Amino acid sequence: MLAVYVSVAMEAIGDITASAEVSRLRVEGEEFDSRIQGGILVRSYTKMTLAIS
C-alpha cells in the first residue's frame, strides 16, 4: 500500500509541476507547496475510491 501511495504522490508532483510551468506560475514557495499538498491529497483520495469500486 505504501508503494502505491509513493507512486501516486510522485505522479501528482510531476503533473502539478509541469502544469504550473506551462501556466507560468511559480514552482517554488509556500503557494506551490500548498498546491502540491492539495494535489497529492485529491489524487490519493481518487485512487483509493477507484480501488474500492
N, C-alpha and C. Protein backbone atom coordinates (compact mmCIF):
# COMPACT_ATOMS: atom_id res chain seq x y z
N MET A 1 0.82 -1.19 0.00
CA MET A 1 0.00 0.00 0.00
C MET A 1 0.87 1.26 0.00
N LEU A 2 1.97 1.22 0.75
CA LEU A 2 2.86 2.36 0.81
C LEU A 2 3.49 2.63 -0.55
N ALA A 3 3.84 1.57 -1.27
CA ALA A 3 4.43 1.74 -2.59
C ALA A 3 3.45 2.42 -3.55
N VAL A 4 2.19 2.09 -3.44
CA VAL A 4 1.17 2.72 -4.29
C VAL A 4 1.04 4.20 -3.94
N TYR A 5 1.04 4.52 -2.65
CA TYR A 5 0.94 5.91 -2.23
C TYR A 5 2.12 6.72 -2.75
N VAL A 6 3.32 6.17 -2.64
CA VAL A 6 4.52 6.87 -3.11
C VAL A 6 4.43 7.08 -4.62
N SER A 7 3.97 6.07 -5.34
CA SER A 7 3.83 6.17 -6.79
C SER A 7 2.83 7.27 -7.17
N VAL A 8 1.70 7.29 -6.50
CA VAL A 8 0.68 8.31 -6.76
C VAL A 8 1.21 9.70 -6.42
N ALA A 9 1.94 9.82 -5.32
CA ALA A 9 2.49 11.11 -4.91
C ALA A 9 3.50 11.62 -5.94
N MET A 10 4.37 10.76 -6.41
CA MET A 10 5.38 11.17 -7.38
C MET A 10 4.71 11.59 -8.70
N GLU A 11 3.70 10.86 -9.10
CA GLU A 11 2.97 11.20 -10.32
C GLU A 11 2.30 12.56 -10.17
N ALA A 12 1.67 12.79 -9.03
CA ALA A 12 0.97 14.06 -8.79
C ALA A 12 1.96 15.22 -8.78
N ILE A 13 3.08 15.06 -8.13
CA ILE A 13 4.09 16.13 -8.07
C ILE A 13 4.56 16.50 -9.47
N GLY A 14 4.84 15.50 -10.28
CA GLY A 14 5.29 15.76 -11.66
C GLY A 14 4.23 16.46 -12.49
N ASP A 15 2.99 15.99 -12.40
CA ASP A 15 1.91 16.59 -13.17
C ASP A 15 1.64 18.03 -12.75
N ILE A 16 1.61 18.28 -11.45
CA ILE A 16 1.33 19.63 -10.95
C ILE A 16 2.46 20.58 -11.29
N THR A 17 3.69 20.13 -11.17
CA THR A 17 4.84 20.96 -11.52
C THR A 17 4.83 21.30 -13.00
N ALA A 18 4.56 20.32 -13.84
CA ALA A 18 4.52 20.57 -15.28
C ALA A 18 3.40 21.55 -15.64
N SER A 19 2.24 21.38 -15.02
CA SER A 19 1.12 22.30 -15.28
C SER A 19 1.45 23.71 -14.84
N ALA A 20 2.12 23.84 -13.70
CA ALA A 20 2.49 25.17 -13.20
C ALA A 20 3.51 25.83 -14.13
N GLU A 21 4.47 25.07 -14.61
CA GLU A 21 5.49 25.63 -15.50
C GLU A 21 4.87 26.09 -16.81
N VAL A 22 3.97 25.29 -17.38
CA VAL A 22 3.31 25.66 -18.63
C VAL A 22 2.43 26.90 -18.43
N SER A 23 1.81 26.99 -17.27
CA SER A 23 0.94 28.13 -16.96
C SER A 23 1.73 29.36 -16.50
N ARG A 24 3.05 29.21 -16.43
CA ARG A 24 3.95 30.28 -15.99
C ARG A 24 3.66 30.73 -14.56
N LEU A 25 3.31 29.76 -13.71
CA LEU A 25 3.16 30.01 -12.29
C LEU A 25 4.47 29.68 -11.60
N ARG A 26 4.66 30.24 -10.41
CA ARG A 26 5.89 29.96 -9.67
C ARG A 26 5.90 28.50 -9.23
N VAL A 27 7.05 27.88 -9.33
CA VAL A 27 7.19 26.47 -8.93
C VAL A 27 8.04 26.35 -7.68
N GLU A 28 7.96 27.34 -6.83
CA GLU A 28 8.63 27.30 -5.54
C GLU A 28 7.87 28.20 -4.59
N GLY A 29 8.07 27.98 -3.32
CA GLY A 29 7.43 28.82 -2.33
C GLY A 29 6.24 28.15 -1.67
N GLU A 30 5.64 28.88 -0.75
CA GLU A 30 4.55 28.35 0.06
C GLU A 30 3.29 28.06 -0.76
N GLU A 31 2.97 28.91 -1.71
CA GLU A 31 1.78 28.70 -2.54
C GLU A 31 1.92 27.41 -3.37
N PHE A 32 3.10 27.20 -3.92
CA PHE A 32 3.33 25.99 -4.71
C PHE A 32 3.27 24.74 -3.83
N ASP A 33 3.86 24.83 -2.63
CA ASP A 33 3.81 23.69 -1.71
C ASP A 33 2.37 23.34 -1.35
N SER A 34 1.55 24.36 -1.15
CA SER A 34 0.13 24.14 -0.84
C SER A 34 -0.58 23.46 -2.01
N ARG A 35 -0.24 23.88 -3.22
CA ARG A 35 -0.83 23.28 -4.41
C ARG A 35 -0.43 21.81 -4.53
N ILE A 36 0.82 21.51 -4.22
CA ILE A 36 1.30 20.12 -4.26
C ILE A 36 0.57 19.28 -3.21
N GLN A 37 0.46 19.78 -2.00
CA GLN A 37 -0.21 19.04 -0.92
C GLN A 37 -1.66 18.74 -1.29
N GLY A 38 -2.35 19.73 -1.81
CA GLY A 38 -3.74 19.51 -2.22
C GLY A 38 -3.86 18.51 -3.35
N GLY A 39 -2.94 18.59 -4.29
CA GLY A 39 -2.96 17.67 -5.42
C GLY A 39 -2.72 16.23 -5.00
N ILE A 40 -1.78 16.03 -4.09
CA ILE A 40 -1.50 14.68 -3.59
C ILE A 40 -2.70 14.15 -2.83
N LEU A 41 -3.33 14.98 -2.01
CA LEU A 41 -4.50 14.57 -1.25
C LEU A 41 -5.64 14.14 -2.17
N VAL A 42 -5.91 14.96 -3.18
CA VAL A 42 -7.00 14.65 -4.11
C VAL A 42 -6.71 13.40 -4.92
N ARG A 43 -5.48 13.29 -5.43
CA ARG A 43 -5.12 12.10 -6.21
C ARG A 43 -5.20 10.84 -5.37
N SER A 44 -4.73 10.89 -4.14
CA SER A 44 -4.76 9.72 -3.26
C SER A 44 -6.20 9.31 -2.97
N TYR A 45 -7.05 10.29 -2.69
CA TYR A 45 -8.46 10.00 -2.41
C TYR A 45 -9.13 9.39 -3.63
N THR A 46 -8.85 9.96 -4.81
CA THR A 46 -9.45 9.45 -6.04
C THR A 46 -9.00 8.02 -6.32
N LYS A 47 -7.72 7.76 -6.21
CA LYS A 47 -7.20 6.40 -6.47
C LYS A 47 -7.77 5.40 -5.46
N MET A 48 -7.90 5.82 -4.18
CA MET A 48 -8.46 4.93 -3.18
C MET A 48 -9.92 4.62 -3.48
N THR A 49 -10.67 5.64 -3.87
CA THR A 49 -12.08 5.45 -4.22
C THR A 49 -12.23 4.53 -5.41
N LEU A 50 -11.40 4.70 -6.42
CA LEU A 50 -11.46 3.82 -7.59
C LEU A 50 -11.07 2.39 -7.26
N ALA A 51 -10.15 2.21 -6.34
CA ALA A 51 -9.74 0.87 -5.97
C ALA A 51 -10.85 0.13 -5.22
N ILE A 52 -11.61 0.87 -4.44
CA ILE A 52 -12.72 0.25 -3.68
C ILE A 52 -13.87 -0.11 -4.60
N SER A 53 -14.09 0.68 -5.65
CA SER A 53 -15.23 0.46 -6.56
C SER A 53 -15.13 -0.81 -7.33
